[in-house]
C-alpha atoms as a PDB file:
ATOM      1  CA  MET A   1      16.478 -16.415  -4.864  1.00  0.00           C
ATOM      2  CA  GLN A   2      17.333 -12.823  -3.777  1.00  0.00           C
ATOM      3  CA  SER A   3      15.016  -9.997  -2.862  1.00  0.00           C
ATOM      4  CA  TRP A   4      15.364  -6.198  -2.116  1.00  0.00           C
ATOM      5  CA  GLY A   5      13.050  -3.249  -1.138  1.00  0.00           C
ATOM      6  CA  LEU A   6      13.087   0.387  -0.780  1.00  0.00           C
ATOM      7  CA  THR A   7      10.354   3.134   0.039  1.00  0.00           C
ATOM      8  CA  ASP A   8      10.594   6.780   0.077  1.00  0.00           C
ATOM      9  CA  PRO A   9       8.384   9.772   0.719  1.00  0.00           C
ATOM     10  CA  GLY A  10       9.370  11.277  -2.552  1.00  0.00           C
ATOM     11  CA  CYS A  11      10.070  14.896  -3.467  1.00  0.00           C
ATOM     12  CA  VAL A  12       6.786  16.722  -2.219  1.00  0.00           C
ATOM     13  CA  ARG A  13       4.920  14.731   0.473  1.00  0.00           C
ATOM     14  CA  LYS A  14       6.322  15.029   4.027  1.00  0.00           C
ATOM     15  CA  GLN A  15       4.763  11.699   5.117  1.00  0.00           C
ATOM     16  CA  ASN A  16       5.410   8.296   3.496  1.00  0.00           C
ATOM     17  CA  GLN A  17       2.105   6.524   3.341  1.00  0.00           C
ATOM     18  CA  ASP A  18       3.519   3.477   1.505  1.00  0.00           C
ATOM     19  CA  ALA A  19       4.548   0.283   3.158  1.00  0.00           C
ATOM     20  CA  TYR A  20       6.226  -3.017   2.200  1.00  0.00           C
ATOM     21  CA  ARG A  21       7.554  -6.230   3.769  1.00  0.00           C
ATOM     22  CA  ILE A  22       9.544  -9.174   2.431  1.00  0.00           C
ATOM     23  CA  GLU A  23       9.246 -12.338   4.322  1.00  0.00           C
ATOM     24  CA  GLN A  24      11.255 -15.648   3.917  1.00  0.00           C
ATOM     25  CA  LEU A  25       8.615 -18.243   4.404  1.00  0.00           C
ATOM     26  CA  ASP A  26      11.086 -21.310   3.976  1.00  0.00           C
ATOM     27  CA  ARG A  27      14.347 -21.881   2.118  1.00  0.00           C
ATOM     28  CA  ASN A  28      12.670 -21.721  -1.263  1.00  0.00           C
ATOM     29  CA  THR A  29       9.594 -19.432  -0.554  1.00  0.00           C
ATOM     30  CA  VAL A  30       9.499 -15.705  -0.056  1.00  0.00           C
ATOM     31  CA  LEU A  31       6.509 -13.479   0.265  1.00  0.00           C
ATOM     32  CA  CYS A  32       6.617  -9.785  -0.724  1.00  0.00           C
ATOM     33  CA  VAL A  33       3.883  -7.239  -0.076  1.00  0.00           C
ATOM     34  CA  VAL A  34       3.424  -3.611  -1.122  1.00  0.00           C
ATOM     35  CA  CYS A  35       0.775  -1.230  -0.100  1.00  0.00           C
ATOM     36  CA  ASP A  36      -0.076   2.414  -0.850  1.00  0.00           C
ATOM     37  CA  GLY A  37      -2.272   4.028   1.800  1.00  0.00           C
ATOM     38  CA  MET A  38      -4.807   6.735   1.341  1.00  0.00           C
ATOM     39  CA  GLY A  39      -7.094   8.604   3.713  1.00  0.00           C
ATOM     40  CA  GLY A  40      -5.138  11.870   4.751  1.00  0.00           C
ATOM     41  CA  ALA A  41      -2.016  12.552   6.827  1.00  0.00           C
ATOM     42  CA  LYS A  42      -3.408  10.889   9.792  1.00  0.00           C
ATOM     43  CA  SER A  43      -4.460   7.580   8.579  1.00  0.00           C
ATOM     44  CA  GLY A  44      -3.114   6.642   5.241  1.00  0.00           C
ATOM     45  CA  ASN A  45       0.116   5.234   6.633  1.00  0.00           C
ATOM     46  CA  ILE A  46      -1.968   3.574   9.443  1.00  0.00           C
ATOM     47  CA  ALA A  47      -3.947   1.751   6.586  1.00  0.00           C
ATOM     48  CA  SER A  48      -0.890   0.717   4.611  1.00  0.00           C
ATOM     49  CA  THR A  49       1.130  -0.497   7.645  1.00  0.00           C
ATOM     50  CA  LEU A  50      -1.814  -2.339   9.029  1.00  0.00           C
ATOM     51  CA  ALA A  51      -2.578  -4.192   5.811  1.00  0.00           C
ATOM     52  CA  VAL A  52       0.952  -5.327   5.269  1.00  0.00           C
ATOM     53  CA  GLU A  53       1.241  -6.589   8.947  1.00  0.00           C
ATOM     54  CA  VAL A  54      -2.017  -8.406   8.889  1.00  0.00           C
ATOM     55  CA  PHE A  55      -1.706  -9.923   5.514  1.00  0.00           C
ATOM     56  CA  THR A  56       1.972 -11.161   5.996  1.00  0.00           C
ATOM     57  CA  GLU A  57       1.221 -12.544   9.481  1.00  0.00           C
ATOM     58  CA  GLU A  58      -1.884 -14.532   8.209  1.00  0.00           C
ATOM     59  CA  VAL A  59       0.210 -15.943   5.344  1.00  0.00           C
ATOM     60  CA  ARG A  60       3.003 -16.874   7.688  1.00  0.00           C
ATOM     61  CA  ARG A  61       0.343 -18.468  10.015  1.00  0.00           C
ATOM     62  CA  CYS A  62      -1.225 -20.533   7.302  1.00  0.00           C
ATOM     63  CA  TRP A  63       1.761 -21.312   5.172  1.00  0.00           C
ATOM     64  CA  LYS A  64       2.914 -24.999   4.790  1.00  0.00           C
ATOM     65  CA  PRO A  65       5.662 -26.210   2.508  1.00  0.00           C
ATOM     66  CA  GLY A  66       4.114 -28.262  -0.483  1.00  0.00           C
ATOM     67  CA  MET A  67       0.720 -26.502  -0.467  1.00  0.00           C
ATOM     68  CA  ASP A  68      -0.960 -27.155  -3.860  1.00  0.00           C
ATOM     69  CA  GLN A  69      -1.946 -24.267  -5.838  1.00  0.00           C
ATOM     70  CA  ASP A  70      -5.571 -24.084  -5.005  1.00  0.00           C
ATOM     71  CA  LYS A  71      -4.536 -23.838  -1.195  1.00  0.00           C
ATOM     72  CA  VAL A  72      -2.233 -21.158  -1.970  1.00  0.00           C
ATOM     73  CA  ASP A  73      -4.850 -19.108  -3.758  1.00  0.00           C
ATOM     74  CA  LEU A  74      -7.298 -19.721  -1.045  1.00  0.00           C
ATOM     75  CA  MET A  75      -4.672 -18.709   1.588  1.00  0.00           C
ATOM     76  CA  LEU A  76      -3.745 -15.465  -0.340  1.00  0.00           C
ATOM     77  CA  ARG A  77      -7.644 -14.551  -0.651  1.00  0.00           C
ATOM     78  CA  SER A  78      -8.278 -15.156   3.149  1.00  0.00           C
ATOM     79  CA  ALA A  79      -5.193 -13.071   3.945  1.00  0.00           C
ATOM     80  CA  VAL A  80      -6.783 -10.131   1.805  1.00  0.00           C
ATOM     81  CA  LYS A  81     -10.160 -10.655   3.464  1.00  0.00           C
ATOM     82  CA  LEU A  82      -8.621 -10.580   7.108  1.00  0.00           C
ATOM     83  CA  ALA A  83      -6.443  -7.270   6.062  1.00  0.00           C
ATOM     84  CA  ASN A  84      -9.642  -5.686   4.691  1.00  0.00           C
ATOM     85  CA  PHE A  85     -11.663  -6.471   7.687  1.00  0.00           C
ATOM     86  CA  THR A  86      -9.003  -5.168  10.015  1.00  0.00           C
ATOM     87  CA  VAL A  87      -8.419  -1.961   8.232  1.00  0.00           C
ATOM     88  CA  PHE A  88     -12.286  -1.377   7.739  1.00  0.00           C
ATOM     89  CA  ASP A  89     -12.871  -2.082  11.552  1.00  0.00           C
ATOM     90  CA  GLN A  90     -10.334   0.448  12.672  1.00  0.00           C
ATOM     91  CA  SER A  91     -11.685   3.057  10.257  1.00  0.00           C
ATOM     92  CA  ALA A  92     -15.294   2.386  11.923  1.00  0.00           C
ATOM     93  CA  GLN A  93     -13.945   2.408  15.507  1.00  0.00           C
ATOM     94  CA  PHE A  94     -11.923   5.674  15.425  1.00  0.00           C
ATOM     95  CA  SER A  95     -12.955   8.959  13.880  1.00  0.00           C
ATOM     96  CA  GLU A  96      -9.605  10.065  12.896  1.00  0.00           C
ATOM     97  CA  PHE A  97      -9.208   6.892  10.750  1.00  0.00           C
ATOM     98  CA  ASP A  98     -12.439   7.554   8.925  1.00  0.00           C
ATOM     99  CA  GLY A  99     -12.358   6.753   5.183  1.00  0.00           C
ATOM    100  CA  MET A 100      -8.744   5.269   5.234  1.00  0.00           C
ATOM    101  CA  GLY A 101      -7.767   2.557   2.850  1.00  0.00           C
ATOM    102  CA  THR A 102      -4.883   1.056   0.963  1.00  0.00           C
ATOM    103  CA  THR A 103      -3.936  -0.736  -2.282  1.00  0.00           C
ATOM    104  CA  LEU A 104      -2.256  -4.262  -1.861  1.00  0.00           C
ATOM    105  CA  VAL A 105      -0.019  -6.160  -4.239  1.00  0.00           C
ATOM    106  CA  ALA A 106       1.643  -9.293  -3.020  1.00  0.00           C
ATOM    107  CA  ALA A 107       3.743 -12.134  -4.650  1.00  0.00           C
ATOM    108  CA  LEU A 108       4.396 -15.347  -3.179  1.00  0.00           C
ATOM    109  CA  VAL A 109       7.273 -16.859  -5.067  1.00  0.00           C
ATOM    110  CA  ARG A 110       8.096 -20.738  -4.649  1.00  0.00           C
ATOM    111  CA  GLY A 111      11.102 -21.555  -6.726  1.00  0.00           C
ATOM    112  CA  LYS A 112      10.042 -20.650 -10.245  1.00  0.00           C
ATOM    113  CA  GLN A 113       6.343 -20.096  -9.501  1.00  0.00           C
ATOM    114  CA  ALA A 114       4.721 -16.888  -8.412  1.00  0.00           C
ATOM    115  CA  THR A 115       1.271 -16.325  -7.205  1.00  0.00           C
ATOM    116  CA  VAL A 116       0.336 -12.674  -7.315  1.00  0.00           C
ATOM    117  CA  VAL A 117      -2.610 -11.026  -5.629  1.00  0.00           C
ATOM    118  CA  ASN A 118      -3.771  -7.376  -5.936  1.00  0.00           C
ATOM    119  CA  VAL A 119      -6.237  -4.764  -4.930  1.00  0.00           C
ATOM    120  CA  GLY A 120      -6.026  -1.386  -6.410  1.00  0.00           C
ATOM    121  CA  ASP A 121      -3.500   0.207  -8.731  1.00  0.00           C
ATOM    122  CA  SER A 122       0.018  -0.819  -7.157  1.00  0.00           C
ATOM    123  CA  ARG A 123       1.494  -3.348  -9.681  1.00  0.00           C
ATOM    124  CA  ALA A 124       3.475  -6.460 -10.238  1.00  0.00           C
ATOM    125  CA  TYR A 125       5.711  -6.923 -13.170  1.00  0.00           C
ATOM    126  CA  GLY A 126       7.346  -9.932 -14.608  1.00  0.00           C
ATOM    127  CA  VAL A 127      10.796  -9.067 -16.123  1.00  0.00           C
ATOM    128  CA  ASP A 128      13.460 -11.069 -18.073  1.00  0.00           C
ATOM    129  CA  GLU A 129      15.823 -10.328 -20.910  1.00  0.00           C
ATOM    130  CA  GLU A 130      13.199 -10.821 -23.540  1.00  0.00           C
ATOM    131  CA  GLY A 131      10.837  -7.982 -22.019  1.00  0.00           C
ATOM    132  CA  ILE A 132       8.435  -6.821 -19.318  1.00  0.00           C
ATOM    133  CA  THR A 133       5.020  -8.090 -18.679  1.00  0.00           C
ATOM    134  CA  GLN A 134       2.422  -6.243 -16.370  1.00  0.00           C
ATOM    135  CA  ILE A 135       1.265  -9.307 -14.301  1.00  0.00           C
ATOM    136  CA  THR A 136      -1.567  -7.381 -12.468  1.00  0.00           C
ATOM    137  CA  LYS A 137      -4.391  -5.277 -13.836  1.00  0.00           C
ATOM    138  CA  ASP A 138      -5.189  -1.805 -12.293  1.00  0.00           C
ATOM    139  CA  HIS A 139      -8.314  -1.502 -10.570  1.00  0.00           C
ATOM    140  CA  SER A 140      -8.877   2.069 -11.436  1.00  0.00           C
ATOM    141  CA  LEU A 141     -11.231   4.318 -13.432  1.00  0.00           C
ATOM    142  CA  VAL A 142      -8.974   4.659 -16.361  1.00  0.00           C
ATOM    143  CA  GLN A 143      -8.447   0.977 -16.640  1.00  0.00           C
ATOM    144  CA  LEU A 144     -12.242   0.512 -16.834  1.00  0.00           C
ATOM    145  CA  MET A 145     -12.317   3.232 -19.538  1.00  0.00           C
ATOM    146  CA  VAL A 146      -9.612   1.569 -21.746  1.00  0.00           C
ATOM    147  CA  ASP A 147     -11.441  -1.780 -21.267  1.00  0.00           C
ATOM    148  CA  ARG A 148     -14.552   0.004 -22.570  1.00  0.00           C
ATOM    149  CA  GLY A 149     -12.556   1.481 -25.481  1.00  0.00           C
ATOM    150  CA  GLU A 150     -13.181   4.871 -24.164  1.00  0.00           C
ATOM    151  CA  LEU A 151      -9.554   5.699 -23.632  1.00  0.00           C
ATOM    152  CA  SER A 152      -6.528   4.498 -25.469  1.00  0.00           C
ATOM    153  CA  PRO A 153      -3.566   3.061 -23.221  1.00  0.00           C
ATOM    154  CA  GLU A 154      -1.517   5.911 -24.321  1.00  0.00           C
ATOM    155  CA  THR A 155      -4.060   8.543 -23.327  1.00  0.00           C
ATOM    156  CA  ALA A 156      -4.889   6.711 -20.097  1.00  0.00           C
ATOM    157  CA  LYS A 157      -1.278   7.399 -18.815  1.00  0.00           C
ATOM    158  CA  THR A 158      -2.074  11.176 -18.460  1.00  0.00           C
ATOM    159  CA  TYR A 159      -5.775  11.202 -17.994  1.00  0.00           C
ATOM    160  CA  PRO A 160      -6.951  13.633 -15.227  1.00  0.00           C
ATOM    161  CA  GLY A 161      -8.745  10.813 -13.235  1.00  0.00           C
ATOM    162  CA  LYS A 162      -5.719   8.444 -13.422  1.00  0.00           C
ATOM    163  CA  ASN A 163      -5.450   8.242  -9.475  1.00  0.00           C
ATOM    164  CA  TYR A 164      -9.062   7.196  -8.886  1.00  0.00           C
ATOM    165  CA  ILE A 165      -8.980   3.628  -7.889  1.00  0.00           C
ATOM    166  CA  THR A 166     -12.238   1.454  -7.877  1.00  0.00           C
ATOM    167  CA  ARG A 167     -11.155  -1.131  -5.380  1.00  0.00           C
ATOM    168  CA  ALA A 168      -9.116  -0.680  -2.119  1.00  0.00           C
ATOM    169  CA  ILE A 169      -8.473  -2.597   1.153  1.00  0.00           C
ATOM    170  CA  GLY A 170     -10.413  -1.190   4.099  1.00  0.00           C
ATOM    171  CA  THR A 171     -12.886   1.028   2.529  1.00  0.00           C
ATOM    172  CA  GLU A 172     -15.872  -1.245   2.328  1.00  0.00           C
ATOM    173  CA  PRO A 173     -16.761  -4.255   4.591  1.00  0.00           C
ATOM    174  CA  THR A 174     -15.602  -6.800   1.881  1.00  0.00           C
ATOM    175  CA  VAL A 175     -13.393  -6.444  -1.109  1.00  0.00           C
ATOM    176  CA  GLN A 176     -12.667  -8.576  -4.111  1.00  0.00           C
ATOM    177  CA  CYS A 177      -9.060  -9.431  -5.217  1.00  0.00           C
ATOM    178  CA  ASP A 178      -7.537 -10.766  -8.260  1.00  0.00           C
ATOM    179  CA  ILE A 179      -5.121 -13.554  -8.500  1.00  0.00           C
ATOM    180  CA  PHE A 180      -2.438 -14.283 -11.059  1.00  0.00           C
ATOM    181  CA  HIS A 181       0.033 -17.029 -11.732  1.00  0.00           C
ATOM    182  CA  TRP A 182       3.335 -16.329 -13.345  1.00  0.00           C
ATOM    183  CA  GLU A 183       5.965 -18.959 -14.175  1.00  0.00           C
ATOM    184  CA  ALA A 184       9.626 -17.782 -14.172  1.00  0.00           C
ATOM    185  CA  GLN A 185      12.949 -19.039 -15.296  1.00  0.00           C
ATOM    186  CA  LYS A 186      16.068 -18.771 -13.254  1.00  0.00           C
ATOM    187  CA  GLY A 187      17.376 -15.206 -13.584  1.00  0.00           C
ATOM    188  CA  ASP A 188      14.022 -13.654 -14.153  1.00  0.00           C
ATOM    189  CA  PHE A 189      12.598 -10.957 -11.965  1.00  0.00           C
ATOM    190  CA  ILE A 190       9.288  -9.799 -10.295  1.00  0.00           C
ATOM    191  CA  LEU A 191       9.022  -6.076  -9.419  1.00  0.00           C
ATOM    192  CA  LEU A 192       6.180  -4.835  -7.162  1.00  0.00           C
ATOM    193  CA  CYS A 193       5.675  -1.167  -7.037  1.00  0.00           C
ATOM    194  CA  THR A 194       3.249   1.476  -5.995  1.00  0.00           C
ATOM    195  CA  ASP A 195       1.977   4.141  -8.659  1.00  0.00           C
ATOM    196  CA  GLY A 196       4.503   6.667  -7.385  1.00  0.00           C
ATOM    197  CA  LEU A 197       7.002   4.848  -9.536  1.00  0.00           C
ATOM    198  CA  SER A 198       4.884   3.412 -12.406  1.00  0.00           C
ATOM    199  CA  ASN A 199       3.399   6.793 -12.956  1.00  0.00           C
ATOM    200  CA  LEU A 200       6.837   8.250 -13.685  1.00  0.00           C
ATOM    201  CA  MET A 201       8.637   5.498 -15.642  1.00  0.00           C
ATOM    202  CA  ASP A 202       7.238   3.496 -18.672  1.00  0.00           C
ATOM    203  CA  ASP A 203       7.733  -0.186 -18.861  1.00  0.00           C
ATOM    204  CA  GLN A 204      10.731  -0.131 -21.086  1.00  0.00           C
ATOM    205  CA  GLU A 205      12.674   2.266 -18.696  1.00  0.00           C
ATOM    206  CA  ILE A 206      11.892  -0.242 -15.825  1.00  0.00           C
ATOM    207  CA  LEU A 207      13.080  -3.085 -18.042  1.00  0.00           C
ATOM    208  CA  PHE A 208      16.289  -1.464 -18.724  1.00  0.00           C
ATOM    209  CA  GLU A 209      17.092  -0.729 -15.111  1.00  0.00           C
ATOM    210  CA  VAL A 210      16.131  -4.252 -13.899  1.00  0.00           C
ATOM    211  CA  VAL A 211      17.886  -6.173 -16.463  1.00  0.00           C
ATOM    212  CA  HIS A 212      20.703  -4.078 -17.431  1.00  0.00           C
ATOM    213  CA  GLY A 213      21.650  -2.587 -14.161  1.00  0.00           C
ATOM    214  CA  VAL A 214      24.936  -4.234 -13.109  1.00  0.00           C
ATOM    215  CA  ILE A 215      24.444  -4.364  -9.272  1.00  0.00           C
ATOM    216  CA  LYS A 216      21.026  -5.825  -8.753  1.00  0.00           C
ATOM    217  CA  LYS A 217      20.873  -4.973  -5.040  1.00  0.00           C
ATOM    218  CA  ASN A 218      20.858  -1.393  -6.119  1.00  0.00           C
ATOM    219  CA  CYS A 219      18.218  -1.603  -8.585  1.00  0.00           C
ATOM    220  CA  CYS A 220      15.453  -0.156  -6.337  1.00  0.00           C
ATOM    221  CA  LYS A 221      17.679   2.859  -5.335  1.00  0.00           C
ATOM    222  CA  ARG A 222      18.200   3.541  -9.109  1.00  0.00           C
ATOM    223  CA  LEU A 223      14.513   3.385  -9.724  1.00  0.00           C
ATOM    224  CA  LEU A 224      14.069   5.685  -6.822  1.00  0.00           C
ATOM    225  CA  GLY A 225      16.689   8.147  -8.279  1.00  0.00           C
ATOM    226  CA  ILE A 226      14.920   8.327 -11.453  1.00  0.00           C
ATOM    227  CA  ALA A 227      11.595   9.129  -9.932  1.00  0.00           C
ATOM    228  CA  LYS A 228      13.304  11.818  -7.708  1.00  0.00           C
ATOM    229  CA  ASN A 229      14.827  13.249 -10.575  1.00  0.00           C
ATOM    230  CA  ARG A 230      11.393  13.631 -12.339  1.00  0.00           C
ATOM    231  CA  GLY A 231       9.900  15.439  -9.335  1.00  0.00           C
ATOM    232  CA  ALA A 232       8.441  12.300  -7.554  1.00  0.00           C
ATOM    233  CA  PRO A 233       5.194  14.076  -6.337  1.00  0.00           C
ATOM    234  CA  ASP A 234       3.971  10.766  -4.554  1.00  0.00           C
ATOM    235  CA  ASN A 235       5.645   8.182  -2.291  1.00  0.00           C
ATOM    236  CA  VAL A 236       7.695   5.704  -4.300  1.00  0.00           C
ATOM    237  CA  THR A 237       8.062   2.061  -3.343  1.00  0.00           C
ATOM    238  CA  SER A 238       9.558  -0.831  -5.048  1.00  0.00           C
ATOM    239  CA  VAL A 239      10.483  -4.477  -4.182  1.00  0.00           C
ATOM    240  CA  LEU A 240      12.562  -6.811  -6.557  1.00  0.00           C
ATOM    241  CA  VAL A 241      12.823 -10.618  -6.492  1.00  0.00           C
ATOM    242  CA  MET A 242      15.405 -12.224  -8.496  1.00  0.00           C
ATOM    243  CA  ILE A 243      14.567 -15.891  -9.163  1.00  0.00           C
END
C-alpha cells in the first residue's frame, strides 16, 4: 500500500484553508484525512488543521490491529464527535474564531478494506481500471435538491448554491457523520479531495489521471496542475491511496 498527498492555495486565494494528514497506523493500515475549512481568513485554516489533528490523534489512540468492523465504525464516529466538539469549543471561546467550521472526509484502509467517514462536501472516490465511484455523498443544498428531484445531477454541477453545505465540523454542538464501506482489489485506488478539485474536474477526467498516469506518486501534482490551468478559484487538496 502506498499513499501520497498535496495541498495548494490555488490561483486566487492567498491563504490555504485546506488541511490533510496521512498516518500509518500499522504495517497494513493507513489513515488519510482531508478537511476544507471555512469561517474567514482568521479561522478557516484553524478549523481544518484542528479537526485533522484531533481526529487523527483520537484514531491513533484508539486503534488496535484486528478490530472488528463495528468497533472501527464506532471509533471513527467518536473521532468525528471529538473533532467537532474541539472546533466548536474553540469557536465559542474566542471571538476571532466565531462561526468557523470545516468539512472532513477520512479513509481508514486495512488491506483491501476501506472505511470512509464524511461530513460536508469533501469527497472520497474509489477508482480502478473499470471506472470511478463516488463513495461519499455530499452534505450540500444541491445534493438535497437532486435527491428531491428538483435538480438534475448535471444542473447541480453549476447551480449557484453549489457551495452551501448542510453539515460541517464545529458549527454546531453536535454533528452527524456518514460511514461507508468499500472493498478494493490489489491495484485499486482511493482518492480523497476537497471541492476545489471536484468542482473543476469531472469523474472521467479524474479516472484518467489516476489510472493512466504513469508515475503514480505524481498523480496529485497532475490533478493540481489541471485545477490551476482552469483557474483554481479555491484551495485544492487531494490524497491518493494505492492498494
